[in-house]
C-alpha atoms as a PDB file:
ATOM      1  CA  MET A   1     105.460  67.308   8.612  1.00  0.00           C
ATOM      2  CA  THR A   2     108.359  68.510  10.780  1.00  0.00           C
ATOM      3  CA  LEU A   3     108.324  71.122  13.308  1.00  0.00           C
ATOM      4  CA  ALA A   4     110.027  74.139  13.330  1.00  0.00           C
ATOM      5  CA  SER A   5     113.374  74.065  14.771  1.00  0.00           C
ATOM      6  CA  PRO A   6     115.825  77.008  16.156  1.00  0.00           C
ATOM      7  CA  SER A   7     118.067  78.789  13.904  1.00  0.00           C
ATOM      8  CA  SER A   8     121.912  78.173  14.380  1.00  0.00           C
ATOM      9  CA  ASP A   9     122.094  82.165  15.671  1.00  0.00           C
ATOM     10  CA  TYR A  10     119.267  81.877  18.095  1.00  0.00           C
ATOM     11  CA  PRO A  11     118.819  78.324  19.923  1.00  0.00           C
ATOM     12  CA  ARG A  12     115.104  79.201  20.912  1.00  0.00           C
ATOM     13  CA  ASP A  13     112.155  78.061  19.489  1.00  0.00           C
ATOM     14  CA  LEU A  14     109.673  81.133  19.355  1.00  0.00           C
ATOM     15  CA  ALA A  15     106.976  79.767  17.115  1.00  0.00           C
ATOM     16  CA  GLY A  16     106.430  75.999  18.383  1.00  0.00           C
ATOM     17  CA  TYR A  17     103.158  74.356  17.005  1.00  0.00           C
ATOM     18  CA  GLY A  18     102.012  77.907  15.647  1.00  0.00           C
ATOM     19  CA  SER A  19      98.254  78.634  14.525  1.00  0.00           C
ATOM     20  CA  GLU A  20      97.891  74.928  13.818  1.00  0.00           C
ATOM     21  CA  PRO A  21      98.510  72.302  16.463  1.00  0.00           C
ATOM     22  CA  PRO A  22      98.315  68.971  15.940  1.00  0.00           C
ATOM     23  CA  HIS A  23      95.168  66.890  17.003  1.00  0.00           C
ATOM     24  CA  ALA A  24      96.330  65.252  20.439  1.00  0.00           C
ATOM     25  CA  GLN A  25      93.737  62.087  19.577  1.00  0.00           C
ATOM     26  CA  TRP A  26      93.161  61.415  23.278  1.00  0.00           C
ATOM     27  CA  PRO A  27      91.854  58.234  24.599  1.00  0.00           C
ATOM     28  CA  GLY A  28      87.824  58.373  24.373  1.00  0.00           C
ATOM     29  CA  GLY A  29      87.702  61.558  22.394  1.00  0.00           C
ATOM     30  CA  ALA A  30      88.768  63.688  25.161  1.00  0.00           C
ATOM     31  CA  LYS A  31      89.014  67.337  24.857  1.00  0.00           C
ATOM     32  CA  VAL A  32      91.734  67.535  27.372  1.00  0.00           C
ATOM     33  CA  ALA A  33      94.320  65.599  29.027  1.00  0.00           C
ATOM     34  CA  VAL A  34      94.636  66.589  32.614  1.00  0.00           C
ATOM     35  CA  GLN A  35      97.915  65.500  34.678  1.00  0.00           C
ATOM     36  CA  PHE A  36      98.266  65.873  38.486  1.00  0.00           C
ATOM     37  CA  VAL A  37     101.793  66.250  39.440  1.00  0.00           C
ATOM     38  CA  VAL A  38     102.512  65.611  43.258  1.00  0.00           C
ATOM     39  CA  ASN A  39     105.791  67.011  43.933  1.00  0.00           C
ATOM     40  CA  VAL A  40     107.793  65.225  46.782  1.00  0.00           C
ATOM     41  CA  GLU A  41     111.151  67.660  47.811  1.00  0.00           C
ATOM     42  CA  GLU A  42     110.968  67.481  51.839  1.00  0.00           C
ATOM     43  CA  GLY A  43     114.292  65.946  53.111  1.00  0.00           C
ATOM     44  CA  GLY A  44     116.329  67.024  49.850  1.00  0.00           C
ATOM     45  CA  GLU A  45     115.851  70.774  50.462  1.00  0.00           C
ATOM     46  CA  ASN A  46     119.166  72.956  51.015  1.00  0.00           C
ATOM     47  CA  SER A  47     120.225  71.974  54.607  1.00  0.00           C
ATOM     48  CA  ILE A  48     123.381  72.404  56.555  1.00  0.00           C
ATOM     49  CA  LEU A  49     122.621  68.437  57.604  1.00  0.00           C
ATOM     50  CA  HIS A  50     122.403  67.842  53.823  1.00  0.00           C
ATOM     51  CA  GLY A  51     125.851  69.688  53.485  1.00  0.00           C
ATOM     52  CA  ASP A  52     124.872  72.501  52.092  1.00  0.00           C
ATOM     53  CA  GLU A  53     126.085  75.805  52.906  1.00  0.00           C
ATOM     54  CA  ALA A  54     122.845  77.716  53.843  1.00  0.00           C
ATOM     55  CA  SER A  55     118.746  76.794  54.336  1.00  0.00           C
ATOM     56  CA  GLU A  56     116.336  76.400  52.395  1.00  0.00           C
ATOM     57  CA  ALA A  57     114.402  79.847  51.798  1.00  0.00           C
ATOM     58  CA  PHE A  58     112.362  78.653  48.546  1.00  0.00           C
ATOM     59  CA  LEU A  59     108.555  77.861  48.536  1.00  0.00           C
ATOM     60  CA  THR A  60     107.712  78.184  52.152  1.00  0.00           C
ATOM     61  CA  GLU A  61     104.971  80.031  54.494  1.00  0.00           C
ATOM     62  CA  GLU A  62     106.400  83.304  55.031  1.00  0.00           C
ATOM     63  CA  PRO A  63     109.027  85.415  53.047  1.00  0.00           C
ATOM     64  CA  THR A  64     112.797  84.202  54.759  1.00  0.00           C
ATOM     65  CA  THR A  65     116.285  84.382  53.936  1.00  0.00           C
ATOM     66  CA  ALA A  66     118.652  81.438  53.380  1.00  0.00           C
ATOM     67  CA  LEU A  67     120.744  81.393  56.792  1.00  0.00           C
ATOM     68  CA  ARG A  68     124.084  80.772  56.169  1.00  0.00           C
ATOM     69  CA  GLY A  69     125.800  78.114  57.945  1.00  0.00           C
ATOM     70  CA  ARG A  70     122.830  77.777  60.311  1.00  0.00           C
ATOM     71  CA  ARG A  71     119.489  75.343  60.389  1.00  0.00           C
ATOM     72  CA  ASN A  72     116.371  77.396  59.970  1.00  0.00           C
ATOM     73  CA  LEU A  73     113.971  75.107  62.213  1.00  0.00           C
ATOM     74  CA  ASN A  74     110.908  76.827  61.206  1.00  0.00           C
ATOM     75  CA  VAL A  75     111.390  76.289  57.558  1.00  0.00           C
ATOM     76  CA  GLU A  76     112.647  72.444  58.505  1.00  0.00           C
ATOM     77  CA  SER A  77     108.980  72.122  60.371  1.00  0.00           C
ATOM     78  CA  GLN A  78     107.008  73.662  57.409  1.00  0.00           C
ATOM     79  CA  TYR A  79     108.885  71.189  54.631  1.00  0.00           C
ATOM     80  CA  GLU A  80     108.386  68.412  57.266  1.00  0.00           C
ATOM     81  CA  TYR A  81     104.938  68.999  57.499  1.00  0.00           C
ATOM     82  CA  GLY A  82     104.581  67.546  53.999  1.00  0.00           C
ATOM     83  CA  THR A  83     105.756  64.058  54.553  1.00  0.00           C
ATOM     84  CA  ARG A  84     104.140  64.113  57.735  1.00  0.00           C
ATOM     85  CA  ALA A  85     100.860  65.069  57.122  1.00  0.00           C
ATOM     86  CA  GLY A  86     100.091  66.975  53.660  1.00  0.00           C
ATOM     87  CA  PHE A  87     101.071  63.349  51.839  1.00  0.00           C
ATOM     88  CA  TRP A  88      98.358  61.177  52.990  1.00  0.00           C
ATOM     89  CA  ARG A  89      95.984  63.904  52.963  1.00  0.00           C
ATOM     90  CA  LEU A  90      96.376  64.475  49.171  1.00  0.00           C
ATOM     91  CA  ARG A  91      96.541  60.575  48.730  1.00  0.00           C
ATOM     92  CA  ARG A  92      93.004  60.267  50.373  1.00  0.00           C
ATOM     93  CA  LEU A  93      91.775  63.023  47.975  1.00  0.00           C
ATOM     94  CA  PHE A  94      93.243  61.373  44.716  1.00  0.00           C
ATOM     95  CA  GLU A  95      92.251  57.800  45.729  1.00  0.00           C
ATOM     96  CA  GLU A  96      88.749  58.351  46.924  1.00  0.00           C
ATOM     97  CA  ARG A  97      88.289  59.559  43.342  1.00  0.00           C
ATOM     98  CA  GLY A  98      90.322  57.476  41.461  1.00  0.00           C
ATOM     99  CA  LEU A  99      92.397  59.877  39.862  1.00  0.00           C
ATOM    100  CA  PRO A 100      96.104  58.909  38.661  1.00  0.00           C
ATOM    101  CA  VAL A 101      98.873  60.516  39.723  1.00  0.00           C
ATOM    102  CA  THR A 102     102.532  61.289  38.993  1.00  0.00           C
ATOM    103  CA  VAL A 103     105.013  62.063  41.478  1.00  0.00           C
ATOM    104  CA  PHE A 104     108.131  64.127  41.019  1.00  0.00           C
ATOM    105  CA  GLY A 105     110.345  63.009  43.535  1.00  0.00           C
ATOM    106  CA  VAL A 106     113.639  64.173  44.697  1.00  0.00           C
ATOM    107  CA  ALA A 107     116.016  60.903  45.223  1.00  0.00           C
ATOM    108  CA  GLU A 108     117.408  61.855  48.572  1.00  0.00           C
ATOM    109  CA  SER A 109     113.650  62.727  49.827  1.00  0.00           C
ATOM    110  CA  LEU A 110     112.378  59.470  48.659  1.00  0.00           C
ATOM    111  CA  SER A 111     115.046  57.572  49.949  1.00  0.00           C
ATOM    112  CA  ARG A 112     114.105  59.069  53.280  1.00  0.00           C
ATOM    113  CA  ASN A 113     110.285  58.598  53.021  1.00  0.00           C
ATOM    114  CA  PRO A 114     110.211  55.067  52.112  1.00  0.00           C
ATOM    115  CA  ALA A 115     106.293  54.784  53.482  1.00  0.00           C
ATOM    116  CA  LEU A 116     105.504  57.428  50.796  1.00  0.00           C
ATOM    117  CA  VAL A 117     107.424  55.594  48.260  1.00  0.00           C
ATOM    118  CA  ALA A 118     105.379  52.512  48.954  1.00  0.00           C
ATOM    119  CA  ALA A 119     102.136  54.366  49.465  1.00  0.00           C
ATOM    120  CA  ALA A 120     102.503  55.673  45.860  1.00  0.00           C
ATOM    121  CA  ARG A 121     103.426  52.457  44.316  1.00  0.00           C
ATOM    122  CA  GLU A 122     100.789  50.872  46.162  1.00  0.00           C
ATOM    123  CA  SER A 123      98.057  53.649  44.086  1.00  0.00           C
ATOM    124  CA  ALA A 124      99.860  52.964  40.813  1.00  0.00           C
ATOM    125  CA  TRP A 125     101.031  56.324  40.905  1.00  0.00           C
ATOM    126  CA  GLU A 126     104.149  57.140  38.604  1.00  0.00           C
ATOM    127  CA  ILE A 127     107.052  58.308  40.381  1.00  0.00           C
ATOM    128  CA  ALA A 128     108.846  60.273  37.723  1.00  0.00           C
ATOM    129  CA  SER A 129     112.796  61.731  39.027  1.00  0.00           C
ATOM    130  CA  HIS A 130     112.743  65.239  40.407  1.00  0.00           C
ATOM    131  CA  SER A 131     116.560  65.094  40.650  1.00  0.00           C
ATOM    132  CA  LEU A 132     119.020  64.155  43.458  1.00  0.00           C
ATOM    133  CA  ARG A 133     118.609  67.520  45.558  1.00  0.00           C
ATOM    134  CA  TRP A 134     115.711  70.406  45.561  1.00  0.00           C
ATOM    135  CA  VAL A 135     118.587  72.786  45.159  1.00  0.00           C
ATOM    136  CA  ASN A 136     119.557  75.620  42.518  1.00  0.00           C
ATOM    137  CA  TYR A 137     121.216  73.752  39.535  1.00  0.00           C
ATOM    138  CA  ALA A 138     122.231  76.598  37.530  1.00  0.00           C
ATOM    139  CA  GLU A 139     124.350  77.102  40.239  1.00  0.00           C
ATOM    140  CA  LEU A 140     127.020  74.152  39.733  1.00  0.00           C
ATOM    141  CA  GLU A 141     128.934  72.804  37.207  1.00  0.00           C
ATOM    142  CA  PRO A 142     128.051  70.520  34.396  1.00  0.00           C
ATOM    143  CA  GLU A 143     130.339  67.651  36.003  1.00  0.00           C
ATOM    144  CA  VAL A 144     128.405  67.858  39.027  1.00  0.00           C
ATOM    145  CA  GLU A 145     125.182  67.789  37.726  1.00  0.00           C
ATOM    146  CA  ARG A 146     126.407  65.013  35.614  1.00  0.00           C
ATOM    147  CA  THR A 147     127.214  63.131  38.700  1.00  0.00           C
ATOM    148  CA  HIS A 148     123.872  64.220  40.559  1.00  0.00           C
ATOM    149  CA  ILE A 149     121.525  62.628  37.745  1.00  0.00           C
ATOM    150  CA  GLU A 150     123.509  59.607  37.791  1.00  0.00           C
ATOM    151  CA  ARG A 151     123.339  59.537  41.361  1.00  0.00           C
ATOM    152  CA  ALA A 152     119.599  60.159  41.387  1.00  0.00           C
ATOM    153  CA  VAL A 153     118.771  57.453  39.202  1.00  0.00           C
ATOM    154  CA  GLN A 154     120.533  54.994  40.903  1.00  0.00           C
ATOM    155  CA  ILE A 155     118.735  55.949  44.125  1.00  0.00           C
ATOM    156  CA  HIS A 156     115.183  56.231  42.749  1.00  0.00           C
ATOM    157  CA  THR A 157     115.845  52.952  41.474  1.00  0.00           C
ATOM    158  CA  ASP A 158     117.057  51.105  44.302  1.00  0.00           C
ATOM    159  CA  VAL A 159     114.004  52.676  46.443  1.00  0.00           C
ATOM    160  CA  CYS A 160     111.486  52.509  43.878  1.00  0.00           C
ATOM    161  CA  GLY A 161     112.311  48.932  42.701  1.00  0.00           C
ATOM    162  CA  GLU A 162     112.538  50.509  39.023  1.00  0.00           C
ATOM    163  CA  ALA A 163     114.212  53.388  37.171  1.00  0.00           C
ATOM    164  CA  PRO A 164     112.621  56.404  36.375  1.00  0.00           C
ATOM    165  CA  LEU A 165     110.727  57.066  33.174  1.00  0.00           C
ATOM    166  CA  GLY A 166     110.237  60.503  33.216  1.00  0.00           C
ATOM    167  CA  TRP A 167     112.221  63.646  34.522  1.00  0.00           C
ATOM    168  CA  TYR A 168     111.980  66.812  36.026  1.00  0.00           C
ATOM    169  CA  THR A 169     114.849  68.961  37.785  1.00  0.00           C
ATOM    170  CA  GLY A 170     112.684  72.277  38.222  1.00  0.00           C
ATOM    171  CA  ARG A 171     115.468  74.440  38.999  1.00  0.00           C
ATOM    172  CA  ASN A 172     117.604  73.527  35.886  1.00  0.00           C
ATOM    173  CA  SER A 173     120.698  74.355  34.374  1.00  0.00           C
ATOM    174  CA  ALA A 174     121.364  75.418  30.720  1.00  0.00           C
ATOM    175  CA  ASN A 175     122.836  71.805  30.758  1.00  0.00           C
ATOM    176  CA  THR A 176     120.204  69.707  32.350  1.00  0.00           C
ATOM    177  CA  ARG A 177     118.475  69.002  29.227  1.00  0.00           C
ATOM    178  CA  ARG A 178     121.661  67.802  27.308  1.00  0.00           C
ATOM    179  CA  LEU A 179     122.546  65.706  30.353  1.00  0.00           C
ATOM    180  CA  VAL A 180     119.413  64.004  30.761  1.00  0.00           C
ATOM    181  CA  VAL A 181     119.382  62.920  27.179  1.00  0.00           C
ATOM    182  CA  GLU A 182     123.338  61.599  27.837  1.00  0.00           C
ATOM    183  CA  HIS A 183     121.936  59.856  30.667  1.00  0.00           C
ATOM    184  CA  GLY A 184     119.265  58.096  28.504  1.00  0.00           C
ATOM    185  CA  GLY A 185     116.299  55.636  29.386  1.00  0.00           C
ATOM    186  CA  PHE A 186     113.861  58.786  29.745  1.00  0.00           C
ATOM    187  CA  LEU A 187     110.266  58.929  28.025  1.00  0.00           C
ATOM    188  CA  TYR A 188     110.071  62.427  28.563  1.00  0.00           C
ATOM    189  CA  ASP A 189     111.418  65.583  30.617  1.00  0.00           C
ATOM    190  CA  SER A 190     109.129  68.361  31.865  1.00  0.00           C
ATOM    191  CA  ASP A 191     111.855  70.962  32.298  1.00  0.00           C
ATOM    192  CA  SER A 192     109.532  73.502  30.156  1.00  0.00           C
ATOM    193  CA  PHE A 193     106.992  75.185  30.374  1.00  0.00           C
ATOM    194  CA  SER A 194     105.835  76.455  26.875  1.00  0.00           C
ATOM    195  CA  ASP A 195     103.134  74.505  25.553  1.00  0.00           C
ATOM    196  CA  ASP A 196      99.934  73.433  26.130  1.00  0.00           C
ATOM    197  CA  LEU A 197     100.845  70.100  24.340  1.00  0.00           C
ATOM    198  CA  PRO A 198     103.937  67.608  24.099  1.00  0.00           C
ATOM    199  CA  TYR A 199     106.807  68.318  21.662  1.00  0.00           C
ATOM    200  CA  TRP A 200     109.831  66.681  20.070  1.00  0.00           C
ATOM    201  CA  VAL A 201     113.034  68.512  20.502  1.00  0.00           C
ATOM    202  CA  ASP A 202     116.516  67.289  18.611  1.00  0.00           C
ATOM    203  CA  VAL A 203     119.146  67.262  21.288  1.00  0.00           C
ATOM    204  CA  GLU A 204     122.704  66.856  19.372  1.00  0.00           C
ATOM    205  CA  GLY A 205     120.885  64.214  16.952  1.00  0.00           C
ATOM    206  CA  THR A 206     118.655  62.669  19.419  1.00  0.00           C
ATOM    207  CA  ALA A 207     114.583  63.139  19.505  1.00  0.00           C
ATOM    208  CA  HIS A 208     113.448  63.874  22.672  1.00  0.00           C
ATOM    209  CA  LEU A 209     109.614  64.133  24.155  1.00  0.00           C
ATOM    210  CA  VAL A 210     109.358  67.204  26.116  1.00  0.00           C
ATOM    211  CA  LEU A 211     106.189  67.414  28.224  1.00  0.00           C
ATOM    212  CA  PRO A 212     105.310  70.948  29.500  1.00  0.00           C
ATOM    213  CA  TYR A 213     105.056  71.309  33.350  1.00  0.00           C
ATOM    214  CA  THR A 214     103.285  74.375  34.653  1.00  0.00           C
ATOM    215  CA  LEU A 215     103.789  77.370  37.121  1.00  0.00           C
ATOM    216  CA  ASP A 216     100.499  79.101  37.066  1.00  0.00           C
ATOM    217  CA  ASN A 217      98.198  75.886  37.720  1.00  0.00           C
ATOM    218  CA  ASN A 218     100.413  75.241  40.511  1.00  0.00           C
ATOM    219  CA  ASP A 219     100.314  75.809  44.355  1.00  0.00           C
ATOM    220  CA  GLY A 220     103.465  77.416  44.476  1.00  0.00           C
ATOM    221  CA  ARG A 221     101.200  80.413  43.580  1.00  0.00           C
ATOM    222  CA  TYR A 222      99.787  80.484  47.435  1.00  0.00           C
ATOM    223  CA  VAL A 223     103.042  81.331  48.878  1.00  0.00           C
ATOM    224  CA  ASN A 224     104.982  83.911  46.648  1.00  0.00           C
ATOM    225  CA  THR A 225     104.254  87.431  46.368  1.00  0.00           C
ATOM    226  CA  TYR A 226     101.939  86.664  43.432  1.00  0.00           C
ATOM    227  CA  GLY A 227     100.018  84.276  46.042  1.00  0.00           C
ATOM    228  CA  PHE A 228      96.557  82.632  45.544  1.00  0.00           C
ATOM    229  CA  GLN A 229      94.041  82.438  48.563  1.00  0.00           C
ATOM    230  CA  SER A 230      92.035  79.787  49.655  1.00  0.00           C
ATOM    231  CA  GLU A 231      89.373  79.712  46.880  1.00  0.00           C
ATOM    232  CA  SER A 232      91.240  81.332  43.825  1.00  0.00           C
ATOM    233  CA  PHE A 233      93.257  78.342  42.900  1.00  0.00           C
ATOM    234  CA  SER A 234      90.612  76.133  42.313  1.00  0.00           C
ATOM    235  CA  THR A 235      88.422  78.941  40.431  1.00  0.00           C
ATOM    236  CA  TYR A 236      91.461  79.608  37.962  1.00  0.00           C
ATOM    237  CA  LEU A 237      92.092  75.713  37.426  1.00  0.00           C
ATOM    238  CA  THR A 238      88.119  75.654  36.658  1.00  0.00           C
ATOM    239  CA  ARG A 239      88.417  78.552  34.162  1.00  0.00           C
ATOM    240  CA  ALA A 240      91.696  77.210  32.504  1.00  0.00           C
ATOM    241  CA  LEU A 241      89.862  73.997  32.018  1.00  0.00           C
ATOM    242  CA  GLU A 242      86.822  75.608  30.957  1.00  0.00           C
ATOM    243  CA  LEU A 243      88.916  77.103  27.941  1.00  0.00           C
ATOM    244  CA  LEU A 244      90.915  74.264  27.255  1.00  0.00           C
ATOM    245  CA  ILE A 245      88.084  72.003  26.708  1.00  0.00           C
ATOM    246  CA  GLU A 246      86.266  75.031  24.516  1.00  0.00           C
ATOM    247  CA  GLU A 247      89.461  74.961  22.545  1.00  0.00           C
ATOM    248  CA  GLY A 248      89.788  71.003  22.462  1.00  0.00           C
ATOM    249  CA  ALA A 249      86.495  70.616  20.287  1.00  0.00           C
ATOM    250  CA  GLU A 250      88.745  71.247  17.685  1.00  0.00           C
ATOM    251  CA  ARG A 251      92.703  70.881  18.966  1.00  0.00           C
ATOM    252  CA  PRO A 252      92.301  68.859  22.442  1.00  0.00           C
ATOM    253  CA  ARG A 253      94.690  70.321  24.926  1.00  0.00           C
ATOM    254  CA  MET A 254      96.682  69.062  28.066  1.00  0.00           C
ATOM    255  CA  MET A 255      96.379  70.717  31.507  1.00  0.00           C
ATOM    256  CA  SER A 256      98.932  70.131  34.107  1.00  0.00           C
ATOM    257  CA  VAL A 257      98.207  71.210  37.570  1.00  0.00           C
ATOM    258  CA  GLY A 258     101.242  71.431  40.194  1.00  0.00           C
ATOM    259  CA  LEU A 259     101.109  70.703  44.066  1.00  0.00           C
ATOM    260  CA  HIS A 260     103.338  70.356  47.097  1.00  0.00           C
ATOM    261  CA  LEU A 261     103.067  68.048  49.863  1.00  0.00           C
ATOM    262  CA  ARG A 262     103.643  70.894  52.089  1.00  0.00           C
ATOM    263  CA  ILE A 263     101.356  73.300  50.637  1.00  0.00           C
ATOM    264  CA  SER A 264      98.327  71.846  49.232  1.00  0.00           C
ATOM    265  CA  GLY A 265      98.810  69.314  51.643  1.00  0.00           C
ATOM    266  CA  ARG A 266      97.220  72.002  54.244  1.00  0.00           C
ATOM    267  CA  PRO A 267      93.419  71.339  55.248  1.00  0.00           C
ATOM    268  CA  GLY A 268      92.342  74.510  53.891  1.00  0.00           C
ATOM    269  CA  ARG A 269      94.119  74.329  50.756  1.00  0.00           C
ATOM    270  CA  ALA A 270      93.356  70.676  50.546  1.00  0.00           C
ATOM    271  CA  ALA A 271      89.631  71.607  50.938  1.00  0.00           C
ATOM    272  CA  ASP A 272      90.019  74.018  48.017  1.00  0.00           C
ATOM    273  CA  LEU A 273      91.601  71.618  45.707  1.00  0.00           C
ATOM    274  CA  ARG A 274      88.642  69.084  46.273  1.00  0.00           C
ATOM    275  CA  ARG A 275      86.895  71.263  44.506  1.00  0.00           C
ATOM    276  CA  PHE A 276      88.588  70.776  41.482  1.00  0.00           C
ATOM    277  CA  LEU A 277      89.112  67.222  41.565  1.00  0.00           C
ATOM    278  CA  ASP A 278      85.075  66.695  41.896  1.00  0.00           C
ATOM    279  CA  LEU A 279      84.965  68.476  38.562  1.00  0.00           C
ATOM    280  CA  VAL A 280      87.552  66.796  36.789  1.00  0.00           C
ATOM    281  CA  ALA A 281      86.470  63.329  38.395  1.00  0.00           C
ATOM    282  CA  GLU A 282      83.433  63.395  36.480  1.00  0.00           C
ATOM    283  CA  HIS A 283      84.067  65.409  33.489  1.00  0.00           C
ATOM    284  CA  PRO A 284      82.933  63.661  30.171  1.00  0.00           C
ATOM    285  CA  ASP A 285      85.658  65.623  28.260  1.00  0.00           C
ATOM    286  CA  VAL A 286      88.730  65.212  30.297  1.00  0.00           C
ATOM    287  CA  TRP A 287      91.529  62.402  30.374  1.00  0.00           C
ATOM    288  CA  VAL A 288      93.001  62.223  33.892  1.00  0.00           C
ATOM    289  CA  ALA A 289      96.681  60.312  32.783  1.00  0.00           C
ATOM    290  CA  ARG A 290     100.191  59.894  34.228  1.00  0.00           C
ATOM    291  CA  ARG A 291     102.616  61.766  32.603  1.00  0.00           C
ATOM    292  CA  ALA A 292     104.199  58.253  31.298  1.00  0.00           C
ATOM    293  CA  ASP A 293     100.679  57.434  29.670  1.00  0.00           C
ATOM    294  CA  ILE A 294     100.740  60.816  27.906  1.00  0.00           C
ATOM    295  CA  ALA A 295     104.558  60.381  26.709  1.00  0.00           C
ATOM    296  CA  ARG A 296     103.781  56.642  25.528  1.00  0.00           C
ATOM    297  CA  HIS A 297     100.301  57.707  23.764  1.00  0.00           C
ATOM    298  CA  TRP A 298     102.323  61.042  22.406  1.00  0.00           C
ATOM    299  CA  ARG A 299     105.132  58.392  21.209  1.00  0.00           C
ATOM    300  CA  THR A 300     102.171  56.168  19.490  1.00  0.00           C
ATOM    301  CA  VAL A 301     100.384  59.122  17.807  1.00  0.00           C
ATOM    302  CA  HIS A 302     102.869  61.399  16.925  1.00  0.00           C
ATOM    303  CA  PRO A 303     106.533  59.465  16.885  1.00  0.00           C
ATOM    304  CA  ALA A 304     109.527  61.522  16.516  1.00  0.00           C
ATOM    305  CA  SER A 305     109.715  60.142  12.897  1.00  0.00           C
ATOM    306  CA  GLN A 306     107.257  62.070  11.987  1.00  0.00           C
ATOM    307  CA  TRP A 307     108.092  65.560  13.625  1.00  0.00           C
ATOM    308  CA  LEU A 308     112.199  64.774  13.498  1.00  0.00           C
ATOM    309  CA  PRO A 309     112.900  62.550  10.675  1.00  0.00           C
ATOM    310  CA  LYS A 310     116.877  63.106  10.690  1.00  0.00           C
ATOM    311  CA  SER A 311     116.927  62.812  14.259  1.00  0.00           C
ATOM    312  CA  LEU A 312     117.365  59.123  16.336  1.00  0.00           C
ATOM    313  CA  ASP A 313     114.683  58.199  19.056  1.00  0.00           C
ATOM    314  CA  PRO A 314     116.691  55.598  21.033  1.00  0.00           C
ATOM    315  CA  LEU A 315     113.373  54.250  22.374  1.00  0.00           C
ATOM    316  CA  ALA A 316     111.196  53.651  19.639  1.00  0.00           C
ATOM    317  CA  LYS A 317     111.432  49.958  19.974  1.00  0.00           C
ATOM    318  CA  ASN A 318     112.789  49.957  23.343  1.00  0.00           C
ATOM    319  CA  ASP A 319     110.787  47.823  26.128  1.00  0.00           C
ATOM    320  CA  LEU A 320     110.604  50.996  28.090  1.00  0.00           C
ATOM    321  CA  PHE A 321     107.553  51.707  25.749  1.00  0.00           C
ATOM    322  CA  PRO A 322     104.898  49.564  26.518  1.00  0.00           C
ATOM    323  CA  ALA A 323     102.667  50.456  29.507  1.00  0.00           C
ATOM    324  CA  ARG A 324     103.248  49.145  32.840  1.00  0.00           C
ATOM    325  CA  ALA A 325     100.567  47.753  35.199  1.00  0.00           C
ATOM    326  CA  ARG A 326     102.330  49.824  38.082  1.00  0.00           C
ATOM    327  CA  VAL A 327     104.901  52.740  37.566  1.00  0.00           C
END
């Protein structure tokens, strides 16, 4: 069995699994693997304090523009809310329900928020890398992005006590995946929104696992022009889960949910999120897992050799493969 590859004259895969996706074989016969991501970006965003030319203007409570050469204290305080209050509220919600989480942690944010890192590790949350900075890497040269990846992993390792197993840039470039694979050591990356299941890709002869992320099951929708209101987010998530469970009776699926400290950490939104967490926590057809757990499972059930027999998976027999008590 092989996965269709992009043609040499068009480097995109528009076919994917097609009408016959593989059976995920989730633990316990679950119909859907649900994965919650908590993004930690505060302290790593654009700011002249960080050497940037302008202030941050992305995912803020009201429309704003980047201020060149100046700080935007309104935006800075919105981001600060995430680490001062939002993180602790979200952690409490997940802890109360015993739900595992993956953190997408910007390295510079993690280094400026050691108490959050300690709390995430205490809760056995996976901390994946969200690159060095929360900036647009499509605007940077490959050599600069390569250096940022190296520095991100080093800072992450120093702050968290171990290297990240997952990677998500988010504001990525056309070079990001190649550079991530070149660096090596990652079980997966999530710089894709193209499927409801993990999938393998060949990157210059290396088999690399992709765990798609989400921009629709994402609280970023609260603060853009296509925004949710306080109750429509949980309603949307619930409807998505219902359909995936229906489809999962035959072919199980994966569902990602993206959260931000400064967005879902606000009381009104956290109250709405709680509705969905209660549903998921008690649902018999759902497996809630960290992304690293899903990646390990997929590597066991659907190894790279099954899909890309001509590609090398450097982690197939690596000590990164076995599950860890704490990630």
